[in-house]
Amino acid sequence: MRNNFKQHASRSALFAAFALGAAAFAANSYAAQSTGSFAVTANVTAACTVSGSPLAFGDFSALSGDVDGTSTLTATCTNGSPYTIGLSAGLGVGAAVTTRKLTHTNTTTLLNYNLSPVASGGINWDLIGGTTTKAGTGSGEAQAITVFGRIPGGQTSAIVGTYSDTITATIDF
């Protein structure tokens, strides 16, 4: 039985040596090498998104004068993409970008307000294609853009209650 063990051990060692030699022979069995190359490309396209936070003016009284507020738009564009943001006139009856209109819950009473890209009471923020929009260049990261709002005082037709409007921000890129 001991002899069988020795024979088995000898055969295992011989097999291992043969396998090692065959692997060495296979690794060195080619006489020459050649290389080639290929191109790898990608095309990064421009992409942008825009969203906004609510603009809450708070309490207004025609007797108290102008009421100012701000909101923040967030523009996220591909790095290096130029963009322009315009704001709609809103949903109030007769609204224009020069005079936007908050609508009372009774759906008939209106309260004028303005939006500006530079300061409360500043130049009106226009639609895309208008003269006053907000322009920038994407960085690949979210960029905060302040929207300045003002309700001018002296609007004596305003009645007590809640007023609202919806503005659509459009981003061209």
C-alpha atoms as a PDB file:
ATOM      1  CA  MET A   1       0.000   0.000   0.000  1.00  0.00           C
ATOM      2  CA  ARG A   2       2.886   2.261   0.687  1.00  0.00           C
ATOM      3  CA  ASN A   3       4.156   1.585  -2.793  1.00  0.00           C
ATOM      4  CA  ASN A   4       0.820   2.703  -4.299  1.00  0.00           C
ATOM      5  CA  PHE A   5       1.058   5.944  -2.357  1.00  0.00           C
ATOM      6  CA  LYS A   6       4.565   6.593  -3.701  1.00  0.00           C
ATOM      7  CA  GLN A   7       3.446   5.829  -7.237  1.00  0.00           C
ATOM      8  CA  HIS A   8       0.454   8.119  -6.891  1.00  0.00           C
ATOM      9  CA  ALA A   9       2.615  10.915  -5.441  1.00  0.00           C
ATOM     10  CA  SER A  10       5.141  10.454  -8.246  1.00  0.00           C
ATOM     11  CA  ARG A  11       2.435  10.583 -10.888  1.00  0.00           C
ATOM     12  CA  SER A  12       0.940  13.756  -9.314  1.00  0.00           C
ATOM     13  CA  ALA A  13       4.340  15.443  -9.260  1.00  0.00           C
ATOM     14  CA  LEU A  14       4.990  14.387 -12.861  1.00  0.00           C
ATOM     15  CA  PHE A  15       1.584  15.682 -13.952  1.00  0.00           C
ATOM     16  CA  ALA A  16       2.147  19.002 -12.170  1.00  0.00           C
ATOM     17  CA  ALA A  17       5.558  19.417 -13.791  1.00  0.00           C
ATOM     18  CA  PHE A  18       4.088  18.604 -17.205  1.00  0.00           C
ATOM     19  CA  ALA A  19       1.238  21.123 -16.723  1.00  0.00           C
ATOM     20  CA  LEU A  20       3.701  23.819 -15.636  1.00  0.00           C
ATOM     21  CA  GLY A  21       5.932  23.150 -18.614  1.00  0.00           C
ATOM     22  CA  ALA A  22       2.970  23.178 -21.010  1.00  0.00           C
ATOM     23  CA  ALA A  23       1.805  26.515 -19.614  1.00  0.00           C
ATOM     24  CA  ALA A  24       5.279  28.006 -20.041  1.00  0.00           C
ATOM     25  CA  PHE A  25       5.452  26.641 -23.566  1.00  0.00           C
ATOM     26  CA  ALA A  26       1.981  28.049 -24.408  1.00  0.00           C
ATOM     27  CA  ALA A  27       2.888  31.517 -23.115  1.00  0.00           C
ATOM     28  CA  ASN A  28       5.999  31.659 -25.260  1.00  0.00           C
ATOM     29  CA  SER A  29       4.784  29.732 -28.274  1.00  0.00           C
ATOM     30  CA  TYR A  30       4.087  32.812 -30.468  1.00  0.00           C
ATOM     31  CA  ALA A  31       6.951  34.101 -32.564  1.00  0.00           C
ATOM     32  CA  ALA A  32       5.736  37.727 -33.018  1.00  0.00           C
ATOM     33  CA  GLN A  33       3.123  40.282 -31.898  1.00  0.00           C
ATOM     34  CA  SER A  34       1.174  42.982 -33.652  1.00  0.00           C
ATOM     35  CA  THR A  35      -1.023  45.733 -32.196  1.00  0.00           C
ATOM     36  CA  GLY A  36      -3.924  47.775 -33.522  1.00  0.00           C
ATOM     37  CA  SER A  37      -5.955  50.660 -32.219  1.00  0.00           C
ATOM     38  CA  PHE A  38      -9.522  51.890 -32.448  1.00  0.00           C
ATOM     39  CA  ALA A  39     -11.223  55.221 -31.801  1.00  0.00           C
ATOM     40  CA  VAL A  40     -13.528  55.798 -28.847  1.00  0.00           C
ATOM     41  CA  THR A  41     -15.885  58.789 -29.066  1.00  0.00           C
ATOM     42  CA  ALA A  42     -18.770  60.367 -27.206  1.00  0.00           C
ATOM     43  CA  ASN A  43     -20.952  63.363 -27.914  1.00  0.00           C
ATOM     44  CA  VAL A  44     -22.121  65.396 -24.910  1.00  0.00           C
ATOM     45  CA  THR A  45     -25.375  67.155 -25.732  1.00  0.00           C
ATOM     46  CA  ALA A  46     -26.851  70.214 -24.074  1.00  0.00           C
ATOM     47  CA  ALA A  47     -29.581  69.579 -21.522  1.00  0.00           C
ATOM     48  CA  CYS A  48     -31.261  71.845 -18.983  1.00  0.00           C
ATOM     49  CA  THR A  49     -33.986  71.746 -16.361  1.00  0.00           C
ATOM     50  CA  VAL A  50     -35.586  74.613 -14.457  1.00  0.00           C
ATOM     51  CA  SER A  51     -37.788  74.604 -11.367  1.00  0.00           C
ATOM     52  CA  GLY A  52     -38.921  77.209  -8.879  1.00  0.00           C
ATOM     53  CA  SER A  53     -39.874  77.691  -5.267  1.00  0.00           C
ATOM     54  CA  PRO A  54     -43.072  79.528  -4.283  1.00  0.00           C
ATOM     55  CA  LEU A  55     -43.029  83.309  -4.008  1.00  0.00           C
ATOM     56  CA  ALA A  56     -45.091  84.196  -0.930  1.00  0.00           C
ATOM     57  CA  PHE A  57     -45.641  87.941  -0.554  1.00  0.00           C
ATOM     58  CA  GLY A  58     -47.327  87.551   2.808  1.00  0.00           C
ATOM     59  CA  ASP A  59     -49.784  90.176   4.026  1.00  0.00           C
ATOM     60  CA  PHE A  60     -50.708  93.137   1.813  1.00  0.00           C
ATOM     61  CA  SER A  61     -52.753  96.206   2.539  1.00  0.00           C
ATOM     62  CA  ALA A  62     -53.348  99.000   0.043  1.00  0.00           C
ATOM     63  CA  LEU A  63     -52.660 101.362   2.949  1.00  0.00           C
ATOM     64  CA  SER A  64     -49.208  99.941   3.724  1.00  0.00           C
ATOM     65  CA  GLY A  65     -47.428 100.575   0.420  1.00  0.00           C
ATOM     66  CA  ASP A  66     -45.364  98.173  -1.682  1.00  0.00           C
ATOM     67  CA  VAL A  67     -44.843  94.589  -0.540  1.00  0.00           C
ATOM     68  CA  ASP A  68     -41.739  92.784  -1.832  1.00  0.00           C
ATOM     69  CA  GLY A  69     -40.886  89.100  -1.945  1.00  0.00           C
ATOM     70  CA  THR A  70     -38.457  86.709  -3.590  1.00  0.00           C
ATOM     71  CA  SER A  71     -38.423  83.240  -5.037  1.00  0.00           C
ATOM     72  CA  THR A  72     -35.614  81.059  -6.309  1.00  0.00           C
ATOM     73  CA  LEU A  73     -35.417  79.372  -9.675  1.00  0.00           C
ATOM     74  CA  THR A  74     -33.015  76.473  -9.986  1.00  0.00           C
ATOM     75  CA  ALA A  75     -31.410  75.966 -13.391  1.00  0.00           C
ATOM     76  CA  THR A  76     -29.341  72.847 -13.981  1.00  0.00           C
ATOM     77  CA  CYS A  77     -27.625  72.700 -17.362  1.00  0.00           C
ATOM     78  CA  THR A  78     -24.857  70.699 -18.970  1.00  0.00           C
ATOM     79  CA  ASN A  79     -21.469  72.261 -18.267  1.00  0.00           C
ATOM     80  CA  GLY A  80     -20.785  74.957 -20.870  1.00  0.00           C
ATOM     81  CA  SER A  81     -24.394  75.181 -22.152  1.00  0.00           C
ATOM     82  CA  PRO A  82     -25.613  78.762 -22.505  1.00  0.00           C
ATOM     83  CA  TYR A  83     -29.209  79.262 -21.419  1.00  0.00           C
ATOM     84  CA  THR A  84     -31.902  81.937 -21.191  1.00  0.00           C
ATOM     85  CA  ILE A  85     -34.852  81.893 -18.793  1.00  0.00           C
ATOM     86  CA  GLY A  86     -38.118  83.688 -19.446  1.00  0.00           C
ATOM     87  CA  LEU A  87     -41.236  83.928 -17.279  1.00  0.00           C
ATOM     88  CA  SER A  88     -44.839  83.775 -18.454  1.00  0.00           C
ATOM     89  CA  ALA A  89     -47.340  86.533 -17.763  1.00  0.00           C
ATOM     90  CA  GLY A  90     -49.250  84.208 -15.447  1.00  0.00           C
ATOM     91  CA  LEU A  91     -52.871  83.095 -15.468  1.00  0.00           C
ATOM     92  CA  GLY A  92     -54.647  86.246 -14.243  1.00  0.00           C
ATOM     93  CA  VAL A  93     -57.216  87.732 -16.630  1.00  0.00           C
ATOM     94  CA  GLY A  94     -55.541  90.469 -18.654  1.00  0.00           C
ATOM     95  CA  ALA A  95     -52.088  89.683 -17.267  1.00  0.00           C
ATOM     96  CA  ALA A  96     -48.984  90.773 -19.192  1.00  0.00           C
ATOM     97  CA  VAL A  97     -45.324  90.551 -18.274  1.00  0.00           C
ATOM     98  CA  THR A  98     -45.455  94.273 -17.491  1.00  0.00           C
ATOM     99  CA  THR A  99     -48.345  93.759 -15.045  1.00  0.00           C
ATOM    100  CA  ARG A 100     -49.013  90.281 -13.748  1.00  0.00           C
ATOM    101  CA  LYS A 101     -52.244  89.640 -11.848  1.00  0.00           C
ATOM    102  CA  LEU A 102     -52.953  87.616  -8.741  1.00  0.00           C
ATOM    103  CA  THR A 103     -56.547  86.322  -8.718  1.00  0.00           C
ATOM    104  CA  HIS A 104     -58.734  86.306  -5.595  1.00  0.00           C
ATOM    105  CA  THR A 105     -60.448  83.034  -4.654  1.00  0.00           C
ATOM    106  CA  ASN A 106     -63.697  84.656  -5.888  1.00  0.00           C
ATOM    107  CA  THR A 107     -62.050  84.457  -9.389  1.00  0.00           C
ATOM    108  CA  THR A 108     -62.961  88.049 -10.305  1.00  0.00           C
ATOM    109  CA  THR A 109     -60.927  90.385  -8.092  1.00  0.00           C
ATOM    110  CA  LEU A 110     -57.329  90.948  -9.231  1.00  0.00           C
ATOM    111  CA  LEU A 111     -54.188  92.265  -7.556  1.00  0.00           C
ATOM    112  CA  ASN A 112     -51.355  93.574  -9.762  1.00  0.00           C
ATOM    113  CA  TYR A 113     -47.751  92.505  -9.188  1.00  0.00           C
ATOM    114  CA  ASN A 114     -44.410  92.545 -10.987  1.00  0.00           C
ATOM    115  CA  LEU A 115     -41.480  90.141 -11.329  1.00  0.00           C
ATOM    116  CA  SER A 116     -37.921  91.232 -12.064  1.00  0.00           C
ATOM    117  CA  PRO A 117     -34.560  89.512 -12.563  1.00  0.00           C
ATOM    118  CA  VAL A 118     -32.625  92.371 -10.938  1.00  0.00           C
ATOM    119  CA  ALA A 119     -34.503  93.884  -7.959  1.00  0.00           C
ATOM    120  CA  SER A 120     -37.961  94.287  -6.475  1.00  0.00           C
ATOM    121  CA  GLY A 121     -39.716  96.963  -8.507  1.00  0.00           C
ATOM    122  CA  GLY A 122     -37.004  96.655 -11.201  1.00  0.00           C
ATOM    123  CA  ILE A 123     -37.423  95.917 -14.893  1.00  0.00           C
ATOM    124  CA  ASN A 124     -40.058  93.319 -15.724  1.00  0.00           C
ATOM    125  CA  TRP A 125     -38.960  89.751 -16.371  1.00  0.00           C
ATOM    126  CA  ASP A 126     -40.068  88.967 -19.905  1.00  0.00           C
ATOM    127  CA  LEU A 127     -41.006  85.891 -21.917  1.00  0.00           C
ATOM    128  CA  ILE A 128     -38.370  84.047 -23.968  1.00  0.00           C
ATOM    129  CA  GLY A 129     -37.696  86.246 -26.979  1.00  0.00           C
ATOM    130  CA  GLY A 130     -38.439  89.406 -24.982  1.00  0.00           C
ATOM    131  CA  THR A 131     -35.979  92.104 -24.063  1.00  0.00           C
ATOM    132  CA  THR A 132     -35.510  91.231 -20.371  1.00  0.00           C
ATOM    133  CA  THR A 133     -34.768  87.614 -19.537  1.00  0.00           C
ATOM    134  CA  LYS A 134     -32.087  85.973 -17.424  1.00  0.00           C
ATOM    135  CA  ALA A 135     -29.111  84.388 -19.170  1.00  0.00           C
ATOM    136  CA  GLY A 136     -26.312  82.190 -17.886  1.00  0.00           C
ATOM    137  CA  THR A 137     -24.017  79.303 -18.685  1.00  0.00           C
ATOM    138  CA  GLY A 138     -24.475  75.855 -17.206  1.00  0.00           C
ATOM    139  CA  SER A 139     -21.878  74.413 -14.863  1.00  0.00           C
ATOM    140  CA  GLY A 140     -23.332  70.915 -14.579  1.00  0.00           C
ATOM    141  CA  GLU A 141     -24.501  71.866 -11.071  1.00  0.00           C
ATOM    142  CA  ALA A 142     -27.738  73.466  -9.877  1.00  0.00           C
ATOM    143  CA  GLN A 143     -27.595  77.259 -10.141  1.00  0.00           C
ATOM    144  CA  ALA A 144     -29.852  79.449  -7.967  1.00  0.00           C
ATOM    145  CA  ILE A 145     -31.466  82.455  -9.665  1.00  0.00           C
ATOM    146  CA  THR A 146     -33.430  84.957  -7.607  1.00  0.00           C
ATOM    147  CA  VAL A 147     -36.828  86.165  -8.785  1.00  0.00           C
ATOM    148  CA  PHE A 148     -37.718  89.531  -7.250  1.00  0.00           C
ATOM    149  CA  GLY A 149     -41.417  90.335  -6.839  1.00  0.00           C
ATOM    150  CA  ARG A 150     -43.391  93.401  -5.851  1.00  0.00           C
ATOM    151  CA  ILE A 151     -47.052  94.157  -5.203  1.00  0.00           C
ATOM    152  CA  PRO A 152     -47.357  97.923  -5.682  1.00  0.00           C
ATOM    153  CA  GLY A 153     -49.230  99.734  -2.910  1.00  0.00           C
ATOM    154  CA  GLY A 154     -52.313 101.845  -3.529  1.00  0.00           C
ATOM    155  CA  GLN A 155     -54.448  99.065  -5.030  1.00  0.00           C
ATOM    156  CA  THR A 156     -57.648 100.096  -3.299  1.00  0.00           C
ATOM    157  CA  SER A 157     -59.808  97.613  -5.253  1.00  0.00           C
ATOM    158  CA  ALA A 158     -58.173  94.689  -3.403  1.00  0.00           C
ATOM    159  CA  ILE A 159     -60.569  92.889  -1.090  1.00  0.00           C
ATOM    160  CA  VAL A 160     -59.770  90.739   1.922  1.00  0.00           C
ATOM    161  CA  GLY A 161     -58.868  87.149   1.068  1.00  0.00           C
ATOM    162  CA  THR A 162     -56.324  84.936  -0.631  1.00  0.00           C
ATOM    163  CA  TYR A 163     -54.895  85.673  -4.078  1.00  0.00           C
ATOM    164  CA  SER A 164     -52.796  83.386  -6.251  1.00  0.00           C
ATOM    165  CA  ASP A 165     -51.233  82.973  -9.678  1.00  0.00           C
ATOM    166  CA  THR A 166     -49.065  80.457 -11.489  1.00  0.00           C
ATOM    167  CA  ILE A 167     -45.976  81.458 -13.436  1.00  0.00           C
ATOM    168  CA  THR A 168     -44.278  79.179 -15.946  1.00  0.00           C
ATOM    169  CA  ALA A 169     -40.495  79.451 -16.212  1.00  0.00           C
ATOM    170  CA  THR A 170     -39.136  78.490 -19.638  1.00  0.00           C
ATOM    171  CA  ILE A 171     -35.469  77.734 -20.242  1.00  0.00           C
ATOM    172  CA  ASP A 172     -33.963  77.881 -23.726  1.00  0.00           C
ATOM    173  CA  PHE A 173     -30.597  76.221 -24.246  1.00  0.00           C
END
